[in-house]
Amino acid sequence: MTAAPVLDDARVAELVGEAVTAPSMHNAQPWRFRYSRGDGTFRLYADPERNMPHSDPDGRALHIGCGAALFNLRVALAAAGLHADAALLPDAEDATLLASVRTTASDGGEDTGLRLLEPAVRQRHTSRYPFAEEAIPENVRTALIDAAQREGAVLSFPESWQARWVEELAEEAEARNLTDRGSEQDLARWTRIGADEADTATDGVPEYAFGPRKHGGRAPMRDFSGGQPVADRGTTPFERTPHLAVVSTDGDQPVHWLRAGQAMERVLLLATLKGLATSFSTQALEWPDLRWPLRDPLTGTGSVQMILRLGYGPQGPATPRRPVREVLAIED
């Protein structure tokens, strides 16, 4: 077995700093990392205190966000010339331990593909702005589909009536969320309204990242203001024909959610390198009776884990991140 490389504390912090640029629902950042100097292993833990009891009672979105952070860590390690030997859910007695990542020297192969994604790790930001009415080339779609498949998930692009069906389910969910007390409480906890709060936040979605309020168009957008007034926030039309992509897995357990998170992040990083802006539509996924009909209508199989919106438009602003010292522990 190849000996684990020696990483100093500063290098470990840099690698985890790359990992935590990952997206998570409402930017809750529901992760913790532990690094063991002795065996060169990173351990990724869920932070249950950052879960959303109403919108994500089973922790599915929490696992997806942590899976995205895990993928970013793998990319960062590859860029550092290291190989990440990742094991999902390695301890049946500890449900909060989501993954262990043992580091060894890289021998190329898959690590080369991961390394090429590294420039996008800090470039990728969620964009809640309108995108152009411009088609995504077929070769780009094929590359994104392949990216998801490499991580054990399926990426599909619903067309015509199926796309409209996905949009309608998202619209129904958004209408419910705006009048649902539990959804309102989750949103209020993780949004930062007012310049003082937004400018000093280390988590959540600050008002400068809400994007304009939608006035026309069919892009399935969430109104993060929850109906509250936000200074200098205008309204604008969004896409009439949004490009949506659905991430699905062949099961619906924590291990599948972690795979979906890694697949999602691989797709997002590649999309960023291809010049695409990206955002999410999770509203319908938060309601079991709406999530079920999102499945592939032809096969009736697969569990939908995420809906992505892609297109050509402005990259969104960077949202705040917790200091690495708050999410990383290093031990001998």
Protein backbone atom coordinates (compact mmCIF):
# COMPACT_ATOMS: atom_id res chain seq x y z
CA MET A 1 0.00 0.00 0.00
CA THR A 2 1.39 3.41 -0.96
CA ALA A 3 2.36 5.53 2.04
CA ALA A 4 0.16 8.52 2.70
CA PRO A 5 1.80 11.82 1.70
CA VAL A 6 2.68 14.26 4.46
CA LEU A 7 0.48 17.37 4.30
CA ASP A 8 1.17 20.32 6.57
CA ASP A 9 -1.72 22.04 8.31
CA ALA A 10 -1.70 25.02 5.93
CA ARG A 11 -1.99 22.72 2.91
CA VAL A 12 -4.82 20.79 4.52
CA ALA A 13 -6.67 24.05 5.16
CA GLU A 14 -6.19 25.10 1.52
CA LEU A 15 -7.65 21.81 0.29
CA VAL A 16 -10.67 22.05 2.57
CA GLY A 17 -11.05 25.68 1.49
CA GLU A 18 -11.52 24.40 -2.06
CA ALA A 19 -13.99 21.76 -0.89
CA VAL A 20 -16.29 24.20 0.89
CA THR A 21 -16.89 26.34 -2.18
CA ALA A 22 -19.50 23.69 -3.04
CA PRO A 23 -23.16 24.68 -3.27
CA SER A 24 -25.66 23.56 -0.66
CA MET A 25 -29.35 24.19 -0.15
CA HIS A 26 -29.80 27.81 0.99
CA ASN A 27 -26.00 27.90 1.38
CA ALA A 28 -26.35 26.22 4.77
CA GLN A 29 -22.90 24.56 4.38
CA PRO A 30 -23.90 21.43 6.34
CA TRP A 31 -20.43 19.85 6.57
CA ARG A 32 -17.50 19.31 8.89
CA PHE A 33 -14.05 17.94 8.01
CA ARG A 34 -11.47 16.11 10.08
CA TYR A 35 -7.94 15.34 8.90
CA SER A 36 -5.74 12.67 10.47
CA ARG A 37 -2.02 13.30 10.03
CA GLY A 38 -1.19 9.73 10.94
CA ASP A 39 -2.91 8.01 8.04
CA GLY A 40 -3.36 10.97 5.67
CA THR A 41 -7.15 10.61 5.72
CA PHE A 42 -9.83 13.27 5.45
CA ARG A 43 -13.19 12.49 7.00
CA LEU A 44 -16.36 14.30 5.97
CA TYR A 45 -19.17 14.61 8.50
CA ALA A 46 -22.69 15.95 8.22
CA ASP A 47 -23.59 18.83 10.50
CA PRO A 48 -27.20 18.03 11.51
CA GLU A 49 -27.62 21.44 13.15
CA ARG A 50 -27.56 22.92 9.63
CA ASN A 51 -30.34 20.77 8.28
CA MET A 52 -33.77 22.17 7.40
CA PRO A 53 -36.45 20.35 9.39
CA HIS A 54 -39.31 21.21 7.07
CA SER A 55 -37.77 21.51 3.62
CA ASP A 56 -35.32 18.61 4.05
CA PRO A 57 -36.58 16.37 6.88
CA ASP A 58 -34.73 13.27 5.66
CA GLY A 59 -31.44 15.06 5.05
CA ARG A 60 -31.44 14.32 1.34
CA ALA A 61 -30.39 17.84 0.33
CA LEU A 62 -27.86 17.87 3.17
CA HIS A 63 -26.21 14.74 1.74
CA ILE A 64 -26.23 16.20 -1.78
CA GLY A 65 -24.46 19.34 -0.57
CA CYS A 66 -21.90 17.26 1.31
CA GLY A 67 -21.43 15.10 -1.78
CA ALA A 68 -20.64 18.24 -3.77
CA ALA A 69 -18.05 19.26 -1.15
CA LEU A 70 -16.56 15.75 -1.34
CA PHE A 71 -16.20 16.05 -5.10
CA ASN A 72 -14.49 19.43 -4.75
CA LEU A 73 -12.04 17.86 -2.28
CA ARG A 74 -11.26 15.12 -4.80
CA VAL A 75 -10.63 17.78 -7.46
CA ALA A 76 -8.41 19.81 -5.14
CA LEU A 77 -6.39 16.72 -4.21
CA ALA A 78 -5.96 15.79 -7.88
CA ALA A 79 -4.73 19.31 -8.64
CA ALA A 80 -2.21 18.88 -5.81
CA GLY A 81 -0.88 15.69 -7.42
CA LEU A 82 -2.69 13.38 -5.01
CA HIS A 83 -5.15 10.56 -5.46
CA ALA A 84 -8.30 10.42 -3.33
CA ASP A 85 -9.45 6.95 -2.34
CA ALA A 86 -12.96 7.80 -1.17
CA ALA A 87 -15.28 5.47 0.72
CA LEU A 88 -18.91 6.48 1.24
CA LEU A 89 -20.63 5.86 4.58
CA PRO A 90 -17.65 3.93 5.98
CA ASP A 91 -19.05 3.47 9.52
CA ALA A 92 -22.45 1.85 9.94
CA GLU A 93 -22.46 2.97 13.58
CA ASP A 94 -22.01 6.68 12.77
CA ALA A 95 -24.54 8.07 10.31
CA THR A 96 -22.91 11.51 10.43
CA LEU A 97 -19.65 10.16 8.96
CA LEU A 98 -20.46 10.47 5.27
CA ALA A 99 -17.11 9.70 3.67
CA SER A 100 -13.47 8.95 4.35
CA VAL A 101 -10.83 10.01 1.84
CA ARG A 102 -7.40 8.43 2.05
CA THR A 103 -4.73 10.28 0.11
CA THR A 104 -1.96 8.64 -1.90
CA ALA A 105 0.35 9.79 -4.66
CA SER A 106 -1.46 10.18 -7.97
CA ASP A 107 -0.62 7.90 -10.87
CA GLY A 108 -2.62 9.88 -13.44
CA GLY A 109 -5.66 8.21 -14.95
CA GLU A 110 -8.94 9.53 -13.56
CA ASP A 111 -7.04 12.12 -11.52
CA THR A 112 -6.09 13.91 -14.74
CA GLY A 113 -9.75 14.49 -15.58
CA LEU A 114 -10.41 15.79 -12.08
CA ARG A 115 -7.39 18.08 -12.18
CA LEU A 116 -8.67 19.77 -15.33
CA LEU A 117 -11.81 20.83 -13.45
CA GLU A 118 -9.91 22.64 -10.69
CA PRO A 119 -10.02 26.15 -12.26
CA ALA A 120 -13.82 26.04 -12.09
CA VAL A 121 -13.98 25.29 -8.36
CA ARG A 122 -13.79 28.96 -7.39
CA GLN A 123 -15.29 30.28 -10.65
CA ARG A 124 -18.61 28.49 -10.22
CA HIS A 125 -21.31 30.57 -8.57
CA THR A 126 -25.07 30.17 -8.60
CA SER A 127 -26.62 32.66 -11.03
CA ARG A 128 -30.17 33.81 -10.34
CA TYR A 129 -30.21 36.12 -13.36
CA PRO A 130 -31.94 35.67 -16.73
CA PHE A 131 -30.11 33.59 -19.32
CA ALA A 132 -30.05 34.13 -23.08
CA GLU A 133 -32.53 32.39 -25.37
CA GLU A 134 -29.63 30.43 -26.84
CA ALA A 135 -29.36 26.69 -27.40
CA ILE A 136 -26.76 24.61 -25.60
CA PRO A 137 -24.74 22.74 -28.24
CA GLU A 138 -25.35 19.00 -28.44
CA ASN A 139 -21.69 18.18 -27.81
CA VAL A 140 -21.79 20.17 -24.58
CA ARG A 141 -24.93 18.36 -23.46
CA THR A 142 -23.28 15.02 -24.23
CA ALA A 143 -20.21 15.97 -22.19
CA LEU A 144 -22.40 16.94 -19.22
CA ILE A 145 -24.33 13.68 -19.45
CA ASP A 146 -21.06 11.76 -19.45
CA ALA A 147 -19.85 13.76 -16.42
CA ALA A 148 -22.86 12.67 -14.35
CA GLN A 149 -22.50 9.08 -15.49
CA ARG A 150 -18.90 8.99 -14.27
CA GLU A 151 -20.22 9.61 -10.76
CA GLY A 152 -22.97 7.00 -10.89
CA ALA A 153 -25.90 9.25 -11.79
CA VAL A 154 -28.00 10.09 -14.83
CA LEU A 155 -28.35 13.58 -16.29
CA SER A 156 -31.25 14.15 -18.67
CA PHE A 157 -32.56 17.18 -20.49
CA PRO A 158 -36.38 17.17 -20.53
CA GLU A 159 -37.83 18.48 -23.77
CA SER A 160 -41.16 19.95 -24.95
CA TRP A 161 -44.10 18.78 -22.84
CA GLN A 162 -41.87 17.09 -20.25
CA ALA A 163 -39.92 20.31 -19.71
CA ARG A 164 -43.16 22.21 -19.27
CA TRP A 165 -44.31 19.59 -16.76
CA VAL A 166 -41.15 20.10 -14.70
CA GLU A 167 -41.69 23.87 -14.84
CA GLU A 168 -45.30 23.51 -13.69
CA LEU A 169 -44.33 21.32 -10.74
CA ALA A 170 -41.70 23.88 -9.72
CA GLU A 171 -44.27 26.69 -10.01
CA GLU A 172 -46.74 24.75 -7.85
CA ALA A 173 -44.05 24.13 -5.23
CA GLU A 174 -42.98 27.79 -5.20
CA ALA A 175 -46.59 28.85 -4.65
CA ARG A 176 -46.87 26.41 -1.74
CA ASN A 177 -43.59 27.52 -0.21
CA LEU A 178 -44.65 31.17 -0.17
CA THR A 179 -47.67 30.33 2.00
CA ASP A 180 -46.26 27.40 4.03
CA ARG A 181 -45.18 28.25 7.55
CA GLY A 182 -42.44 25.61 7.74
CA SER A 183 -40.90 26.62 4.41
CA GLU A 184 -41.07 30.25 5.51
CA GLN A 185 -39.15 29.45 8.69
CA ASP A 186 -36.43 27.53 6.83
CA LEU A 187 -36.03 30.37 4.35
CA ALA A 188 -35.95 33.04 7.05
CA ARG A 189 -33.20 31.20 8.90
CA TRP A 190 -30.93 31.08 5.85
CA THR A 191 -31.51 34.40 4.08
CA ARG A 192 -29.59 37.56 4.93
CA ILE A 193 -31.65 40.70 4.24
CA GLY A 194 -30.31 44.16 4.94
CA ALA A 195 -26.89 45.46 3.99
CA ASP A 196 -25.33 44.98 7.43
CA GLU A 197 -26.39 41.35 7.68
CA ALA A 198 -25.66 40.52 4.06
CA ASP A 199 -22.17 42.04 4.12
CA THR A 200 -21.07 40.24 7.29
CA ALA A 201 -22.70 36.84 6.73
CA THR A 202 -20.61 33.68 6.58
CA ASP A 203 -23.46 31.45 5.44
CA GLY A 204 -26.94 31.62 3.97
CA VAL A 205 -28.07 33.55 0.88
CA PRO A 206 -27.39 37.31 1.13
CA GLU A 207 -29.75 39.73 -0.55
CA TYR A 208 -27.15 40.67 -3.19
CA ALA A 209 -27.36 37.08 -4.48
CA PHE A 210 -31.18 36.92 -4.74
CA GLY A 211 -31.17 38.12 -8.33
CA PRO A 212 -34.01 40.22 -9.76
CA ARG A 213 -37.62 39.33 -9.18
CA LYS A 214 -39.06 37.39 -12.11
CA HIS A 215 -41.67 39.19 -14.20
CA GLY A 216 -42.54 36.93 -17.09
CA GLY A 217 -40.78 33.91 -18.55
CA ARG A 218 -40.89 30.26 -17.49
CA ALA A 219 -37.59 29.79 -15.67
CA PRO A 220 -38.43 28.13 -12.32
CA MET A 221 -36.96 30.69 -9.89
CA ARG A 222 -37.23 30.83 -6.11
CA ASP A 223 -38.05 34.18 -4.53
CA PHE A 224 -35.53 34.21 -1.66
CA SER A 225 -37.01 37.43 -0.29
CA GLY A 226 -40.06 35.52 0.91
CA GLY A 227 -42.11 38.53 -0.07
CA GLN A 228 -40.06 40.96 2.02
CA PRO A 229 -38.96 44.25 0.48
CA VAL A 230 -35.34 44.31 -0.67
CA ALA A 231 -33.69 47.61 -1.57
CA ASP A 232 -32.63 48.15 -5.17
CA ARG A 233 -34.06 44.83 -6.33
CA GLY A 234 -35.77 45.22 -9.68
CA THR A 235 -37.93 42.93 -11.80
CA THR A 236 -37.12 41.52 -15.20
CA PRO A 237 -38.32 38.85 -17.66
CA PHE A 238 -36.58 35.48 -17.56
CA GLU A 239 -36.21 32.83 -20.26
CA ARG A 240 -39.30 31.75 -22.15
CA THR A 241 -37.63 28.39 -22.84
CA PRO A 242 -35.27 27.61 -19.95
CA HIS A 243 -32.72 24.81 -20.29
CA LEU A 244 -33.36 22.40 -17.44
CA ALA A 245 -31.42 19.26 -16.58
CA VAL A 246 -32.49 16.55 -14.14
CA VAL A 247 -30.04 14.54 -12.01
CA SER A 248 -31.37 11.10 -11.10
CA THR A 249 -30.06 8.00 -9.37
CA ASP A 250 -31.13 4.37 -9.37
CA GLY A 251 -31.93 4.45 -5.66
CA ASP A 252 -33.01 6.89 -2.98
CA GLN A 253 -30.86 6.22 0.08
CA PRO A 254 -28.02 8.27 1.64
CA VAL A 255 -25.39 6.61 -0.55
CA HIS A 256 -27.35 7.62 -3.66
CA TRP A 257 -27.71 11.18 -2.39
CA LEU A 258 -23.94 11.42 -1.90
CA ARG A 259 -23.36 10.11 -5.43
CA ALA A 260 -25.90 12.60 -6.77
CA GLY A 261 -24.06 15.44 -5.04
CA GLN A 262 -20.76 14.41 -6.61
CA ALA A 263 -22.38 14.02 -10.02
CA MET A 264 -24.09 17.39 -9.70
CA GLU A 265 -20.84 19.14 -8.83
CA ARG A 266 -18.95 17.43 -11.64
CA VAL A 267 -21.62 18.66 -14.07
CA LEU A 268 -21.55 22.18 -12.62
CA LEU A 269 -17.76 22.49 -12.81
CA LEU A 270 -17.66 21.23 -16.38
CA ALA A 271 -20.55 23.52 -17.33
CA THR A 272 -18.62 26.45 -15.86
CA LEU A 273 -15.57 25.58 -17.95
CA LYS A 274 -17.83 25.41 -21.01
CA GLY A 275 -18.98 28.99 -20.42
CA LEU A 276 -22.39 28.16 -18.95
CA ALA A 277 -24.02 29.83 -15.98
CA THR A 278 -25.95 27.58 -13.61
CA SER A 279 -28.56 27.63 -10.88
CA PHE A 280 -30.93 25.24 -9.13
CA SER A 281 -34.63 24.56 -8.89
CA THR A 282 -35.22 22.52 -5.74
CA GLN A 283 -38.75 23.62 -4.84
CA ALA A 284 -40.59 20.59 -6.25
CA LEU A 285 -38.06 18.27 -4.61
CA GLU A 286 -39.12 19.57 -1.20
CA TRP A 287 -42.67 18.17 -1.57
CA PRO A 288 -42.93 14.35 -1.79
CA ASP A 289 -46.11 14.44 -3.86
CA LEU A 290 -44.43 16.73 -6.42
CA ARG A 291 -41.06 15.04 -6.44
CA TRP A 292 -42.49 11.66 -7.43
CA PRO A 293 -43.99 12.86 -10.77
CA LEU A 294 -40.62 14.30 -11.79
CA ARG A 295 -39.39 10.80 -12.69
CA ASP A 296 -38.65 9.87 -16.29
CA PRO A 297 -42.13 9.55 -17.87
CA LEU A 298 -40.95 6.93 -20.36
CA THR A 299 -39.44 4.47 -17.90
CA GLY A 300 -41.02 5.50 -14.61
CA THR A 301 -37.72 4.69 -12.92
CA GLY A 302 -35.01 6.67 -11.24
CA SER A 303 -35.18 8.99 -8.26
CA VAL A 304 -34.86 12.66 -9.12
CA GLN A 305 -32.31 14.31 -6.84
CA MET A 306 -31.74 17.74 -8.41
CA ILE A 307 -33.01 20.03 -11.14
CA LEU A 308 -30.42 22.31 -12.71
CA ARG A 309 -30.97 25.40 -14.83
CA LEU A 310 -28.21 26.10 -17.35
CA GLY A 311 -27.64 28.76 -19.96
CA TYR A 312 -25.53 31.60 -21.23
CA GLY A 313 -25.69 34.58 -18.96
CA PRO A 314 -23.96 36.40 -16.12
CA GLN A 315 -22.22 34.39 -13.44
CA GLY A 316 -23.76 35.09 -10.06
CA PRO A 317 -21.86 36.73 -7.22
CA ALA A 318 -19.84 34.67 -4.77
CA THR A 319 -21.81 33.85 -1.65
CA PRO A 320 -20.17 33.82 1.77
CA ARG A 321 -18.38 30.83 3.26
CA ARG A 322 -17.63 29.96 6.84
CA PRO A 323 -13.96 30.27 7.80
CA VAL A 324 -12.13 27.00 7.29
CA ARG A 325 -11.13 26.95 10.97
CA GLU A 326 -14.82 26.54 11.85
CA VAL A 327 -15.31 23.43 9.73
CA LEU A 328 -11.91 21.70 9.95
CA ALA A 329 -10.27 19.79 12.81
CA ILE A 330 -6.75 18.34 12.44
CA GLU A 331 -5.54 15.49 14.63
CA ASP A 332 -2.44 13.31 14.92
